[in-house]
Amino acid sequence: MWASELLRGVAGALAAGALALPLATSGQSRPLVTDADVARAAKSQPAITETDIANAARKHRMPSEAELARVPVPSMPKVDALPQPTVQRKVDLGAIAQGFDAVGQASPASLGNEPTLLVFVSFSMPEASLARLVDQASRAGAVVLIRGFVEGSLQRTVARAQRLIGQRQVGFQIDPQAFDRFGISVAPTFVLLKSGSTATPCAAGACFAASSFALVAGDVSLDYALEFFRRSAPAFRREASGLLTKLKGGT
């Protein structure tokens, strides 16, 4: 009974127009754009006038030929005025490869009347120690010797020696026989040869009598080694004193 009353109520509402139901259409539903919508959209857009265009052109105008002419043109850089790298003295490849022949094949004439000071080093030593010894050797007139090539390469050895020597004037030689000649097993080792010492043939090429040289080994400076010779080896006191004076800038 209540169902029939519900149906009669729905029918009455439809007849009175109080109830609206969606109606299905055979086509796709599309929004309807009216003239009023177009008018509202037109009113929301900003109006650009001729005055606005003229103001924008004045604000963002192109520079004139006269203004462009006043702009400074960058000049070409002066390459010759740029800082130049320091030119280092080239290491003599031939001299390094041949070794210290003046000592290896020494004669009284070749050694002359001056003592010979040899500094045996290794590139495995601390860089600060090497640099200090090379600097002192350049001032004392000593010769720096290494046993062999860095990683078996002459080019790498020369490059390492060049960085170490820089602008200094110092003798630098590769001479493995010299290490054998004086029994060098520790770096650094310092050898002081008397002036006029004579070498004799031996397994190491040429050897010197034990009385013709003094030797000290240890991680010490060159002036310390010379001072040791001066105090502990009376036969070499004169030579060591002279080299110490030279090292310290004396005559």
C-alpha atoms as a PDB file:
ATOM      1  CA  MET A   1       0.000   0.000   0.000  1.00  0.00           C
ATOM      2  CA  TRP A   2       2.788   2.398   0.883  1.00  0.00           C
ATOM      3  CA  ALA A   3       4.436   1.715  -2.494  1.00  0.00           C
ATOM      4  CA  SER A   4       1.388   2.806  -4.433  1.00  0.00           C
ATOM      5  CA  GLU A   5       1.170   5.978  -2.385  1.00  0.00           C
ATOM      6  CA  LEU A   6       4.890   6.716  -3.144  1.00  0.00           C
ATOM      7  CA  LEU A   7       4.297   6.319  -6.850  1.00  0.00           C
ATOM      8  CA  ARG A   8       1.259   8.625  -6.738  1.00  0.00           C
ATOM      9  CA  GLY A   9       3.420  11.250  -4.883  1.00  0.00           C
ATOM     10  CA  VAL A  10       6.220  11.122  -7.493  1.00  0.00           C
ATOM     11  CA  ALA A  11       3.708  11.427 -10.309  1.00  0.00           C
ATOM     12  CA  GLY A  12       2.109  14.439  -8.671  1.00  0.00           C
ATOM     13  CA  ALA A  13       5.506  16.131  -8.214  1.00  0.00           C
ATOM     14  CA  LEU A  14       6.357  15.641 -11.866  1.00  0.00           C
ATOM     15  CA  ALA A  15       3.052  17.091 -12.897  1.00  0.00           C
ATOM     16  CA  ALA A  16       3.577  20.121 -10.702  1.00  0.00           C
ATOM     17  CA  GLY A  17       7.148  20.665 -11.977  1.00  0.00           C
ATOM     18  CA  ALA A  18       8.601  20.391  -8.434  1.00  0.00           C
ATOM     19  CA  LEU A  19      10.964  17.524  -9.217  1.00  0.00           C
ATOM     20  CA  ALA A  20      13.572  17.723 -12.011  1.00  0.00           C
ATOM     21  CA  LEU A  21      15.270  14.575 -13.175  1.00  0.00           C
ATOM     22  CA  PRO A  22      18.309  14.420 -15.495  1.00  0.00           C
ATOM     23  CA  LEU A  23      17.456  13.316 -18.972  1.00  0.00           C
ATOM     24  CA  ALA A  24      19.845  11.228 -21.048  1.00  0.00           C
ATOM     25  CA  THR A  25      20.696  12.515 -24.513  1.00  0.00           C
ATOM     26  CA  SER A  26      21.680  10.519 -27.475  1.00  0.00           C
ATOM     27  CA  GLY A  27      24.829  12.628 -28.099  1.00  0.00           C
ATOM     28  CA  GLN A  28      27.828  13.697 -25.936  1.00  0.00           C
ATOM     29  CA  SER A  29      27.056  16.519 -23.499  1.00  0.00           C
ATOM     30  CA  ARG A  30      28.998  19.761 -24.315  1.00  0.00           C
ATOM     31  CA  PRO A  31      29.184  23.017 -22.363  1.00  0.00           C
ATOM     32  CA  LEU A  32      27.237  25.826 -23.925  1.00  0.00           C
ATOM     33  CA  VAL A  33      29.259  29.120 -24.390  1.00  0.00           C
ATOM     34  CA  THR A  34      26.932  32.067 -24.541  1.00  0.00           C
ATOM     35  CA  ASP A  35      27.517  35.637 -25.716  1.00  0.00           C
ATOM     36  CA  ALA A  36      27.488  36.701 -22.097  1.00  0.00           C
ATOM     37  CA  ASP A  37      30.470  34.377 -21.395  1.00  0.00           C
ATOM     38  CA  VAL A  38      32.429  35.906 -24.287  1.00  0.00           C
ATOM     39  CA  ALA A  39      31.660  39.420 -23.060  1.00  0.00           C
ATOM     40  CA  ARG A  40      32.843  38.600 -19.547  1.00  0.00           C
ATOM     41  CA  ALA A  41      36.116  37.079 -20.884  1.00  0.00           C
ATOM     42  CA  ALA A  42      36.770  40.146 -23.033  1.00  0.00           C
ATOM     43  CA  LYS A  43      36.286  42.459 -20.065  1.00  0.00           C
ATOM     44  CA  SER A  44      38.847  40.458 -17.956  1.00  0.00           C
ATOM     45  CA  GLN A  45      41.698  40.930 -20.509  1.00  0.00           C
ATOM     46  CA  PRO A  46      43.929  44.015 -20.147  1.00  0.00           C
ATOM     47  CA  ALA A  47      43.489  46.664 -22.804  1.00  0.00           C
ATOM     48  CA  ILE A  48      46.782  47.534 -24.617  1.00  0.00           C
ATOM     49  CA  THR A  49      46.656  50.972 -26.139  1.00  0.00           C
ATOM     50  CA  GLU A  50      48.920  52.704 -28.641  1.00  0.00           C
ATOM     51  CA  THR A  51      50.341  54.719 -25.725  1.00  0.00           C
ATOM     52  CA  ASP A  52      51.389  51.496 -23.957  1.00  0.00           C
ATOM     53  CA  ILE A  53      53.178  50.316 -27.099  1.00  0.00           C
ATOM     54  CA  ALA A  54      54.977  53.654 -27.491  1.00  0.00           C
ATOM     55  CA  ASN A  55      56.090  53.667 -23.842  1.00  0.00           C
ATOM     56  CA  ALA A  56      57.493  50.133 -24.129  1.00  0.00           C
ATOM     57  CA  ALA A  57      59.388  51.053 -27.302  1.00  0.00           C
ATOM     58  CA  ARG A  58      60.984  54.065 -25.585  1.00  0.00           C
ATOM     59  CA  LYS A  59      61.957  52.025 -22.510  1.00  0.00           C
ATOM     60  CA  HIS A  60      63.532  49.166 -24.466  1.00  0.00           C
ATOM     61  CA  ARG A  61      64.814  50.993 -27.515  1.00  0.00           C
ATOM     62  CA  MET A  62      67.796  49.899 -29.600  1.00  0.00           C
ATOM     63  CA  PRO A  63      71.023  51.921 -29.107  1.00  0.00           C
ATOM     64  CA  SER A  64      71.882  54.407 -31.784  1.00  0.00           C
ATOM     65  CA  GLU A  65      74.992  54.290 -33.965  1.00  0.00           C
ATOM     66  CA  ALA A  66      76.527  57.135 -31.934  1.00  0.00           C
ATOM     67  CA  GLU A  67      75.971  55.284 -28.655  1.00  0.00           C
ATOM     68  CA  LEU A  68      77.464  52.083 -30.043  1.00  0.00           C
ATOM     69  CA  ALA A  69      80.515  54.016 -31.210  1.00  0.00           C
ATOM     70  CA  ARG A  70      81.154  55.213 -27.644  1.00  0.00           C
ATOM     71  CA  VAL A  71      81.342  51.650 -26.248  1.00  0.00           C
ATOM     72  CA  PRO A  72      85.044  50.743 -25.726  1.00  0.00           C
ATOM     73  CA  VAL A  73      86.234  47.778 -27.755  1.00  0.00           C
ATOM     74  CA  PRO A  74      88.367  45.308 -25.683  1.00  0.00           C
ATOM     75  CA  SER A  75      91.948  45.303 -26.881  1.00  0.00           C
ATOM     76  CA  MET A  76      93.946  42.171 -27.585  1.00  0.00           C
ATOM     77  CA  PRO A  77      95.770  40.881 -24.474  1.00  0.00           C
ATOM     78  CA  LYS A  78      99.495  41.578 -24.364  1.00  0.00           C
ATOM     79  CA  VAL A  79     100.920  38.099 -24.246  1.00  0.00           C
ATOM     80  CA  ASP A  80     104.439  39.365 -23.651  1.00  0.00           C
ATOM     81  CA  ALA A  81     103.233  41.096 -20.486  1.00  0.00           C
ATOM     82  CA  LEU A  82     101.900  37.898 -18.928  1.00  0.00           C
ATOM     83  CA  PRO A  83     103.972  36.236 -16.153  1.00  0.00           C
ATOM     84  CA  GLN A  84     106.484  33.863 -17.662  1.00  0.00           C
ATOM     85  CA  PRO A  85     107.467  30.529 -16.076  1.00  0.00           C
ATOM     86  CA  THR A  86     110.902  30.342 -14.569  1.00  0.00           C
ATOM     87  CA  VAL A  87     113.359  28.837 -17.030  1.00  0.00           C
ATOM     88  CA  GLN A  88     115.242  26.120 -15.254  1.00  0.00           C
ATOM     89  CA  ARG A  89     118.745  25.100 -16.100  1.00  0.00           C
ATOM     90  CA  LYS A  90     118.677  21.916 -18.157  1.00  0.00           C
ATOM     91  CA  VAL A  91     120.269  18.799 -16.747  1.00  0.00           C
ATOM     92  CA  ASP A  92     122.960  17.311 -18.956  1.00  0.00           C
ATOM     93  CA  LEU A  93     121.565  13.902 -19.946  1.00  0.00           C
ATOM     94  CA  GLY A  94     124.897  12.717 -21.258  1.00  0.00           C
ATOM     95  CA  ALA A  95     126.748  13.662 -18.114  1.00  0.00           C
ATOM     96  CA  ILE A  96     124.188  11.937 -15.912  1.00  0.00           C
ATOM     97  CA  ALA A  97     124.177   8.760 -17.986  1.00  0.00           C
ATOM     98  CA  GLN A  98     127.955   8.501 -18.165  1.00  0.00           C
ATOM     99  CA  GLY A  99     128.505   8.835 -14.437  1.00  0.00           C
ATOM    100  CA  PHE A 100     131.192  10.667 -12.535  1.00  0.00           C
ATOM    101  CA  ASP A 101     134.128   9.756 -14.755  1.00  0.00           C
ATOM    102  CA  ALA A 102     136.477  12.228 -13.082  1.00  0.00           C
ATOM    103  CA  VAL A 103     136.388  10.065  -9.971  1.00  0.00           C
ATOM    104  CA  GLY A 104     135.743   6.718 -11.636  1.00  0.00           C
ATOM    105  CA  GLN A 105     138.936   7.039 -13.707  1.00  0.00           C
ATOM    106  CA  ALA A 106     140.760   9.469 -11.472  1.00  0.00           C
ATOM    107  CA  SER A 107     144.355  10.540 -11.850  1.00  0.00           C
ATOM    108  CA  PRO A 108     146.371  13.094  -9.882  1.00  0.00           C
ATOM    109  CA  ALA A 109     146.011  15.565 -12.719  1.00  0.00           C
ATOM    110  CA  SER A 110     142.235  15.186 -12.953  1.00  0.00           C
ATOM    111  CA  LEU A 111     141.672  15.709  -9.241  1.00  0.00           C
ATOM    112  CA  GLY A 112     144.101  18.635  -9.125  1.00  0.00           C
ATOM    113  CA  ASN A 113     144.979  20.387  -5.904  1.00  0.00           C
ATOM    114  CA  GLU A 114     141.437  20.606  -4.547  1.00  0.00           C
ATOM    115  CA  PRO A 115     139.721  17.989  -2.375  1.00  0.00           C
ATOM    116  CA  THR A 116     136.635  16.233  -3.782  1.00  0.00           C
ATOM    117  CA  LEU A 117     133.465  16.003  -1.747  1.00  0.00           C
ATOM    118  CA  LEU A 118     130.892  13.384  -2.753  1.00  0.00           C
ATOM    119  CA  VAL A 119     127.337  13.164  -1.413  1.00  0.00           C
ATOM    120  CA  PHE A 120     125.662   9.794  -2.006  1.00  0.00           C
ATOM    121  CA  VAL A 121     121.858  10.067  -1.860  1.00  0.00           C
ATOM    122  CA  SER A 122     118.722   8.168  -2.809  1.00  0.00           C
ATOM    123  CA  PHE A 123     115.423   9.457  -4.170  1.00  0.00           C
ATOM    124  CA  SER A 124     113.729   7.394  -1.457  1.00  0.00           C
ATOM    125  CA  MET A 125     115.035   9.888   1.099  1.00  0.00           C
ATOM    126  CA  PRO A 126     112.642  12.560   2.440  1.00  0.00           C
ATOM    127  CA  GLU A 127     112.267  15.415  -0.026  1.00  0.00           C
ATOM    128  CA  ALA A 128     113.261  18.003   2.593  1.00  0.00           C
ATOM    129  CA  SER A 129     116.535  16.194   3.297  1.00  0.00           C
ATOM    130  CA  LEU A 130     117.328  15.900  -0.411  1.00  0.00           C
ATOM    131  CA  ALA A 131     116.616  19.577  -1.061  1.00  0.00           C
ATOM    132  CA  ARG A 132     118.802  20.626   1.871  1.00  0.00           C
ATOM    133  CA  LEU A 133     121.736  18.476   0.718  1.00  0.00           C
ATOM    134  CA  VAL A 134     121.479  19.655  -2.906  1.00  0.00           C
ATOM    135  CA  ASP A 135     121.471  23.270  -1.758  1.00  0.00           C
ATOM    136  CA  GLN A 136     124.502  22.739   0.483  1.00  0.00           C
ATOM    137  CA  ALA A 137     126.313  20.764  -2.216  1.00  0.00           C
ATOM    138  CA  SER A 138     125.856  23.633  -4.670  1.00  0.00           C
ATOM    139  CA  ARG A 139     127.475  26.053  -2.205  1.00  0.00           C
ATOM    140  CA  ALA A 140     130.314  23.735  -1.191  1.00  0.00           C
ATOM    141  CA  GLY A 141     131.092  22.566  -4.732  1.00  0.00           C
ATOM    142  CA  ALA A 142     130.226  18.949  -3.886  1.00  0.00           C
ATOM    143  CA  VAL A 143     128.939  16.321  -6.314  1.00  0.00           C
ATOM    144  CA  VAL A 144     125.627  14.530  -5.654  1.00  0.00           C
ATOM    145  CA  LEU A 145     125.480  10.875  -6.735  1.00  0.00           C
ATOM    146  CA  ILE A 146     122.633   8.350  -7.022  1.00  0.00           C
ATOM    147  CA  ARG A 147     122.909   4.629  -7.713  1.00  0.00           C
ATOM    148  CA  GLY A 148     120.453   4.189 -10.619  1.00  0.00           C
ATOM    149  CA  PHE A 149     117.427   5.370 -12.561  1.00  0.00           C
ATOM    150  CA  VAL A 150     114.017   6.187 -11.091  1.00  0.00           C
ATOM    151  CA  GLU A 151     111.742   3.236 -11.999  1.00  0.00           C
ATOM    152  CA  GLY A 152     114.340   2.225 -14.591  1.00  0.00           C
ATOM    153  CA  SER A 153     113.703   5.369 -16.665  1.00  0.00           C
ATOM    154  CA  LEU A 154     116.339   7.953 -17.577  1.00  0.00           C
ATOM    155  CA  GLN A 155     113.638  10.477 -18.490  1.00  0.00           C
ATOM    156  CA  ARG A 156     111.934  10.149 -15.097  1.00  0.00           C
ATOM    157  CA  THR A 157     115.289  10.385 -13.360  1.00  0.00           C
ATOM    158  CA  VAL A 158     116.157  13.583 -15.199  1.00  0.00           C
ATOM    159  CA  ALA A 159     112.731  15.069 -14.468  1.00  0.00           C
ATOM    160  CA  ARG A 160     113.079  14.283 -10.771  1.00  0.00           C
ATOM    161  CA  ALA A 161     116.616  15.667 -10.677  1.00  0.00           C
ATOM    162  CA  GLN A 162     115.513  18.821 -12.507  1.00  0.00           C
ATOM    163  CA  ARG A 163     112.773  19.505  -9.965  1.00  0.00           C
ATOM    164  CA  LEU A 164     115.243  18.937  -7.156  1.00  0.00           C
ATOM    165  CA  ILE A 165     118.110  21.014  -8.558  1.00  0.00           C
ATOM    166  CA  GLY A 166     116.126  23.938  -9.964  1.00  0.00           C
ATOM    167  CA  GLN A 167     118.429  26.917 -10.582  1.00  0.00           C
ATOM    168  CA  ARG A 168     121.280  25.629  -8.458  1.00  0.00           C
ATOM    169  CA  GLN A 169     124.687  24.929  -9.982  1.00  0.00           C
ATOM    170  CA  VAL A 170     125.567  21.482  -8.681  1.00  0.00           C
ATOM    171  CA  GLY A 171     127.180  18.343 -10.054  1.00  0.00           C
ATOM    172  CA  PHE A 172     124.662  15.485 -10.272  1.00  0.00           C
ATOM    173  CA  GLN A 173     125.659  12.022 -11.460  1.00  0.00           C
ATOM    174  CA  ILE A 174     124.396   8.450 -11.738  1.00  0.00           C
ATOM    175  CA  ASP A 175     127.258   6.131 -10.798  1.00  0.00           C
ATOM    176  CA  PRO A 176     126.422   2.676  -9.365  1.00  0.00           C
ATOM    177  CA  GLN A 177     130.118   1.764  -9.423  1.00  0.00           C
ATOM    178  CA  ALA A 178     130.918   4.663  -7.102  1.00  0.00           C
ATOM    179  CA  PHE A 179     128.560   3.150  -4.533  1.00  0.00           C
ATOM    180  CA  ASP A 180     130.485  -0.136  -4.808  1.00  0.00           C
ATOM    181  CA  ARG A 181     133.829   1.652  -4.923  1.00  0.00           C
ATOM    182  CA  PHE A 182     133.347   3.185  -1.471  1.00  0.00           C
ATOM    183  CA  GLY A 183     131.074   0.436  -0.082  1.00  0.00           C
ATOM    184  CA  ILE A 184     128.047   2.737   0.193  1.00  0.00           C
ATOM    185  CA  SER A 185     124.986   1.004   1.681  1.00  0.00           C
ATOM    186  CA  VAL A 186     123.263   3.904   3.471  1.00  0.00           C
ATOM    187  CA  ALA A 187     121.978   7.202   2.089  1.00  0.00           C
ATOM    188  CA  PRO A 188     123.076   9.828   2.656  1.00  0.00           C
ATOM    189  CA  THR A 189     126.780   9.066   2.899  1.00  0.00           C
ATOM    190  CA  PHE A 190     129.524  11.701   2.632  1.00  0.00           C
ATOM    191  CA  VAL A 191     132.970  10.968   1.194  1.00  0.00           C
ATOM    192  CA  LEU A 192     135.860  13.429   1.342  1.00  0.00           C
ATOM    193  CA  LEU A 193     138.741  12.671  -1.039  1.00  0.00           C
ATOM    194  CA  LYS A 194     142.122  14.236  -0.530  1.00  0.00           C
ATOM    195  CA  SER A 195     143.471  16.371  -3.338  1.00  0.00           C
ATOM    196  CA  GLY A 196     145.779  14.519  -5.699  1.00  0.00           C
ATOM    197  CA  SER A 197     144.420  11.085  -4.724  1.00  0.00           C
ATOM    198  CA  THR A 198     145.273   8.334  -7.187  1.00  0.00           C
ATOM    199  CA  ALA A 199     142.834   5.583  -8.193  1.00  0.00           C
ATOM    200  CA  THR A 200     143.921   2.031  -8.977  1.00  0.00           C
ATOM    201  CA  PRO A 201     142.008  -0.574 -11.028  1.00  0.00           C
ATOM    202  CA  CYS A 202     139.631  -2.787  -9.052  1.00  0.00           C
ATOM    203  CA  ALA A 203     136.360  -4.700  -9.440  1.00  0.00           C
ATOM    204  CA  ALA A 204     134.450  -1.421  -9.159  1.00  0.00           C
ATOM    205  CA  GLY A 205     136.462   0.091 -12.017  1.00  0.00           C
ATOM    206  CA  ALA A 206     138.797   2.292  -9.981  1.00  0.00           C
ATOM    207  CA  CYS A 207     139.378   2.384  -6.238  1.00  0.00           C
ATOM    208  CA  PHE A 208     141.184   4.647  -3.797  1.00  0.00           C
ATOM    209  CA  ALA A 209     143.385   3.730  -0.899  1.00  0.00           C
ATOM    210  CA  ALA A 210     141.649   3.839   2.455  1.00  0.00           C
ATOM    211  CA  SER A 211     144.035   6.562   3.610  1.00  0.00           C
ATOM    212  CA  SER A 212     142.991   8.876   0.754  1.00  0.00           C
ATOM    213  CA  PHE A 213     139.365   9.412   1.821  1.00  0.00           C
ATOM    214  CA  ALA A 214     137.173   9.829   4.879  1.00  0.00           C
ATOM    215  CA  LEU A 215     133.587   8.643   5.099  1.00  0.00           C
ATOM    216  CA  VAL A 216     130.588   9.289   7.323  1.00  0.00           C
ATOM    217  CA  ALA A 217     126.983   8.067   6.916  1.00  0.00           C
ATOM    218  CA  GLY A 218     123.718   9.210   8.441  1.00  0.00           C
ATOM    219  CA  ASP A 219     120.788  11.568   7.968  1.00  0.00           C
ATOM    220  CA  VAL A 220     122.804  14.673   8.758  1.00  0.00           C
ATOM    221  CA  SER A 221     123.510  17.943   6.980  1.00  0.00           C
ATOM    222  CA  LEU A 222     126.607  18.560   4.880  1.00  0.00           C
ATOM    223  CA  ASP A 223     128.052  21.055   7.338  1.00  0.00           C
ATOM    224  CA  TYR A 224     127.635  18.501  10.141  1.00  0.00           C
ATOM    225  CA  ALA A 225     129.513  15.887   8.101  1.00  0.00           C
ATOM    226  CA  LEU A 226     132.338  18.331   7.368  1.00  0.00           C
ATOM    227  CA  GLU A 227     132.524  19.299  11.013  1.00  0.00           C
ATOM    228  CA  PHE A 228     132.736  15.603  11.881  1.00  0.00           C
ATOM    229  CA  PHE A 229     135.644  15.183   9.452  1.00  0.00           C
ATOM    230  CA  ARG A 230     137.364  18.228  10.909  1.00  0.00           C
ATOM    231  CA  ARG A 231     137.106  16.973  14.485  1.00  0.00           C
ATOM    232  CA  SER A 232     137.441  13.215  14.033  1.00  0.00           C
ATOM    233  CA  ALA A 233     139.838  12.828  11.081  1.00  0.00           C
ATOM    234  CA  PRO A 234     142.990  14.930  11.715  1.00  0.00           C
ATOM    235  CA  ALA A 235     144.443  13.950   8.317  1.00  0.00           C
ATOM    236  CA  PHE A 236     141.442  15.670   6.624  1.00  0.00           C
ATOM    237  CA  ARG A 237     141.142  18.671   8.932  1.00  0.00           C
ATOM    238  CA  ARG A 238     142.537  21.156   6.423  1.00  0.00           C
ATOM    239  CA  GLU A 239     140.280  19.960   3.578  1.00  0.00           C
ATOM    240  CA  ALA A 240     137.188  19.849   5.784  1.00  0.00           C
ATOM    241  CA  SER A 241     137.867  23.341   7.196  1.00  0.00           C
ATOM    242  CA  GLY A 242     138.272  24.798   3.705  1.00  0.00           C
ATOM    243  CA  LEU A 243     134.996  23.249   2.473  1.00  0.00           C
ATOM    244  CA  LEU A 244     133.194  24.426   5.604  1.00  0.00           C
ATOM    245  CA  THR A 245     134.339  27.983   4.945  1.00  0.00           C
ATOM    246  CA  LYS A 246     133.185  27.691   1.320  1.00  0.00           C
ATOM    247  CA  LEU A 247     129.829  26.269   2.382  1.00  0.00           C
ATOM    248  CA  LYS A 248     129.238  29.170   4.757  1.00  0.00           C
ATOM    249  CA  GLY A 249     129.972  31.727   2.063  1.00  0.00           C
ATOM    250  CA  GLY A 250     133.616  32.456   2.879  1.00  0.00           C
ATOM    251  CA  THR A 251     136.570  32.530   0.523  1.00  0.00           C
END
